[in-house]
């Protein structure tokens, strides 16, 4: 998480405190930042750019998979049933086979 967002969260936390605590604002803000950085640093996070990149890769992979599945179905339909294959909807060991 970038420093700007951490600073923004720390500022919002500070603004939510009662006025009596705001006199210690500099110390509290520093402590808020330290706690946020420490806690968020332990999380397994990725940047937005990395997330968006992986999303695009996944979308392309899904599209390619759909293309390949369609091609496979077309090839299977053109080839007809395999020798010794059960009629569609029946298991291979069905008595009508």
C-alpha atoms as a PDB file:
ATOM      1  CA  UNK A   1       0.000   0.000   0.000  1.00  0.00           C
ATOM      2  CA  UNK A   2       1.526   3.320  -0.939  1.00  0.00           C
ATOM      3  CA  UNK A   3       2.527   5.943   1.626  1.00  0.00           C
ATOM      4  CA  UNK A   4      -0.101   8.416   0.429  1.00  0.00           C
ATOM      5  CA  UNK A   5      -2.931   6.042   1.326  1.00  0.00           C
ATOM      6  CA  UNK A   6      -1.387   5.195   4.687  1.00  0.00           C
ATOM      7  CA  UNK A   7      -0.959   8.902   5.442  1.00  0.00           C
ATOM      8  CA  UNK A   8      -4.583   9.522   4.413  1.00  0.00           C
ATOM      9  CA  UNK A   9      -5.844   6.741   6.706  1.00  0.00           C
ATOM     10  CA  UNK A  10      -3.698   8.043   9.567  1.00  0.00           C
ATOM     11  CA  UNK A  11      -5.051  11.569   9.008  1.00  0.00           C
ATOM     12  CA  UNK A  12      -8.646  10.325   9.041  1.00  0.00           C
ATOM     13  CA  UNK A  13      -8.043   8.378  12.240  1.00  0.00           C
ATOM     14  CA  UNK A  14      -6.565  11.489  13.823  1.00  0.00           C
ATOM     15  CA  UNK A  15      -9.531  13.620  12.749  1.00  0.00           C
ATOM     16  CA  UNK A  16     -11.934  11.117  14.322  1.00  0.00           C
ATOM     17  CA  UNK A  17     -10.378  11.593  17.767  1.00  0.00           C
ATOM     18  CA  UNK A  18     -11.946  13.901  20.341  1.00  0.00           C
ATOM     19  CA  UNK A  19     -10.375  17.402  20.440  1.00  0.00           C
ATOM     20  CA  UNK A  20      -8.621  16.732  23.778  1.00  0.00           C
ATOM     21  CA  UNK A  21      -6.502  14.050  22.124  1.00  0.00           C
ATOM     22  CA  UNK A  22      -5.641  16.202  19.144  1.00  0.00           C
ATOM     23  CA  UNK A  23      -3.113  18.140  21.191  1.00  0.00           C
ATOM     24  CA  UNK A  24      -0.963  15.052  21.005  1.00  0.00           C
ATOM     25  CA  UNK A  25      -1.681  14.853  17.292  1.00  0.00           C
ATOM     26  CA  UNK A  26       1.864  14.640  15.998  1.00  0.00           C
ATOM     27  CA  UNK A  27       2.723  11.684  18.254  1.00  0.00           C
ATOM     28  CA  UNK A  28      -0.577   9.956  17.541  1.00  0.00           C
ATOM     29  CA  UNK A  29      -0.248  10.451  13.794  1.00  0.00           C
ATOM     30  CA  UNK A  30       3.269   9.021  13.841  1.00  0.00           C
ATOM     31  CA  UNK A  31       2.056   6.054  15.885  1.00  0.00           C
ATOM     32  CA  UNK A  32      -0.951   5.510  13.593  1.00  0.00           C
ATOM     33  CA  UNK A  33       1.354   5.435  10.576  1.00  0.00           C
ATOM     34  CA  UNK A  34       3.751   3.017  12.249  1.00  0.00           C
ATOM     35  CA  UNK A  35       0.958   0.642  13.281  1.00  0.00           C
ATOM     36  CA  UNK A  36      -0.672   0.795   9.845  1.00  0.00           C
ATOM     37  CA  UNK A  37       2.597   0.177   7.992  1.00  0.00           C
ATOM     38  CA  UNK A  38       3.491  -2.693  10.300  1.00  0.00           C
ATOM     39  CA  UNK A  39       0.072  -4.330  10.079  1.00  0.00           C
ATOM     40  CA  UNK A  40      -0.359  -3.833   6.350  1.00  0.00           C
ATOM     41  CA  UNK A  41       3.203  -4.932   5.677  1.00  0.00           C
ATOM     42  CA  UNK A  42       2.370  -8.376   7.071  1.00  0.00           C
ATOM     43  CA  UNK A  43      -0.437  -8.877   4.564  1.00  0.00           C
ATOM     44  CA  UNK A  44       0.129 -10.582   1.242  1.00  0.00           C
ATOM     45  CA  UNK A  45      -0.955  -7.679  -0.965  1.00  0.00           C
ATOM     46  CA  UNK A  46      -0.301  -6.811  -4.587  1.00  0.00           C
ATOM     47  CA  UNK A  47      -0.331  -3.450  -6.306  1.00  0.00           C
ATOM     48  CA  UNK A  48      -3.344  -2.365  -8.335  1.00  0.00           C
ATOM     49  CA  UNK A  49      -1.201  -2.484 -11.503  1.00  0.00           C
ATOM     50  CA  UNK A  50      -0.162  -6.073 -10.815  1.00  0.00           C
ATOM     51  CA  UNK A  51      -3.771  -7.041 -10.050  1.00  0.00           C
ATOM     52  CA  UNK A  52      -5.019  -5.413 -13.268  1.00  0.00           C
ATOM     53  CA  UNK A  53      -2.285  -7.112 -15.287  1.00  0.00           C
ATOM     54  CA  UNK A  54      -3.163 -10.533 -13.880  1.00  0.00           C
ATOM     55  CA  UNK A  55      -6.866  -9.867 -14.508  1.00  0.00           C
ATOM     56  CA  UNK A  56      -6.134  -9.174 -18.189  1.00  0.00           C
ATOM     57  CA  UNK A  57      -4.004 -12.334 -18.423  1.00  0.00           C
ATOM     58  CA  UNK A  58      -6.822 -14.375 -16.900  1.00  0.00           C
ATOM     59  CA  UNK A  59      -9.377 -12.866 -19.303  1.00  0.00           C
ATOM     60  CA  UNK A  60      -7.167 -13.750 -22.308  1.00  0.00           C
ATOM     61  CA  UNK A  61      -6.622 -17.265 -20.933  1.00  0.00           C
ATOM     62  CA  UNK A  62     -10.352 -17.806 -20.476  1.00  0.00           C
ATOM     63  CA  UNK A  63     -11.056 -16.553 -24.005  1.00  0.00           C
ATOM     64  CA  UNK A  64      -8.396 -18.874 -25.430  1.00  0.00           C
ATOM     65  CA  UNK A  65      -9.779 -21.811 -23.456  1.00  0.00           C
ATOM     66  CA  UNK A  66     -13.283 -21.112 -24.792  1.00  0.00           C
ATOM     67  CA  UNK A  67     -11.856 -21.012 -28.355  1.00  0.00           C
ATOM     68  CA  UNK A  68     -10.066 -24.317 -27.871  1.00  0.00           C
ATOM     69  CA  UNK A  69     -13.145 -25.972 -26.370  1.00  0.00           C
ATOM     70  CA  UNK A  70     -15.229 -24.827 -29.340  1.00  0.00           C
ATOM     71  CA  UNK A  71     -12.608 -26.142 -31.788  1.00  0.00           C
ATOM     72  CA  UNK A  72     -12.465 -29.467 -29.962  1.00  0.00           C
ATOM     73  CA  UNK A  73     -16.249 -29.833 -30.059  1.00  0.00           C
ATOM     74  CA  UNK A  74     -16.272 -29.022 -33.790  1.00  0.00           C
ATOM     75  CA  UNK A  75     -13.542 -31.587 -34.455  1.00  0.00           C
ATOM     76  CA  UNK A  76     -15.330 -34.217 -32.387  1.00  0.00           C
ATOM     77  CA  UNK A  77     -18.617 -33.517 -34.172  1.00  0.00           C
ATOM     78  CA  UNK A  78     -16.939 -33.731 -37.583  1.00  0.00           C
ATOM     79  CA  UNK A  79     -15.173 -36.982 -36.694  1.00  0.00           C
ATOM     80  CA  UNK A  80     -18.350 -38.651 -35.469  1.00  0.00           C
ATOM     81  CA  UNK A  81     -18.460 -41.101 -32.585  1.00  0.00           C
ATOM     82  CA  UNK A  82     -15.274 -42.936 -31.782  1.00  0.00           C
ATOM     83  CA  UNK A  83     -15.234 -46.671 -32.591  1.00  0.00           C
ATOM     84  CA  UNK A  84     -16.581 -48.624 -29.641  1.00  0.00           C
ATOM     85  CA  UNK A  85     -17.996 -45.517 -27.997  1.00  0.00           C
ATOM     86  CA  UNK A  86     -21.387 -45.701 -26.349  1.00  0.00           C
ATOM     87  CA  UNK A  87     -24.239 -43.675 -27.853  1.00  0.00           C
ATOM     88  CA  UNK A  88     -24.455 -40.238 -26.358  1.00  0.00           C
ATOM     89  CA  UNK A  89     -25.961 -40.254 -22.908  1.00  0.00           C
ATOM     90  CA  UNK A  90     -25.223 -43.955 -22.280  1.00  0.00           C
ATOM     91  CA  UNK A  91     -22.275 -45.221 -20.255  1.00  0.00           C
ATOM     92  CA  UNK A  92     -19.829 -47.531 -22.136  1.00  0.00           C
ATOM     93  CA  UNK A  93     -20.908 -50.569 -20.088  1.00  0.00           C
ATOM     94  CA  UNK A  94     -24.641 -50.050 -20.786  1.00  0.00           C
ATOM     95  CA  UNK A  95     -26.370 -53.278 -22.003  1.00  0.00           C
ATOM     96  CA  UNK A  96     -27.640 -51.514 -25.181  1.00  0.00           C
ATOM     97  CA  UNK A  97     -24.052 -50.918 -26.262  1.00  0.00           C
END
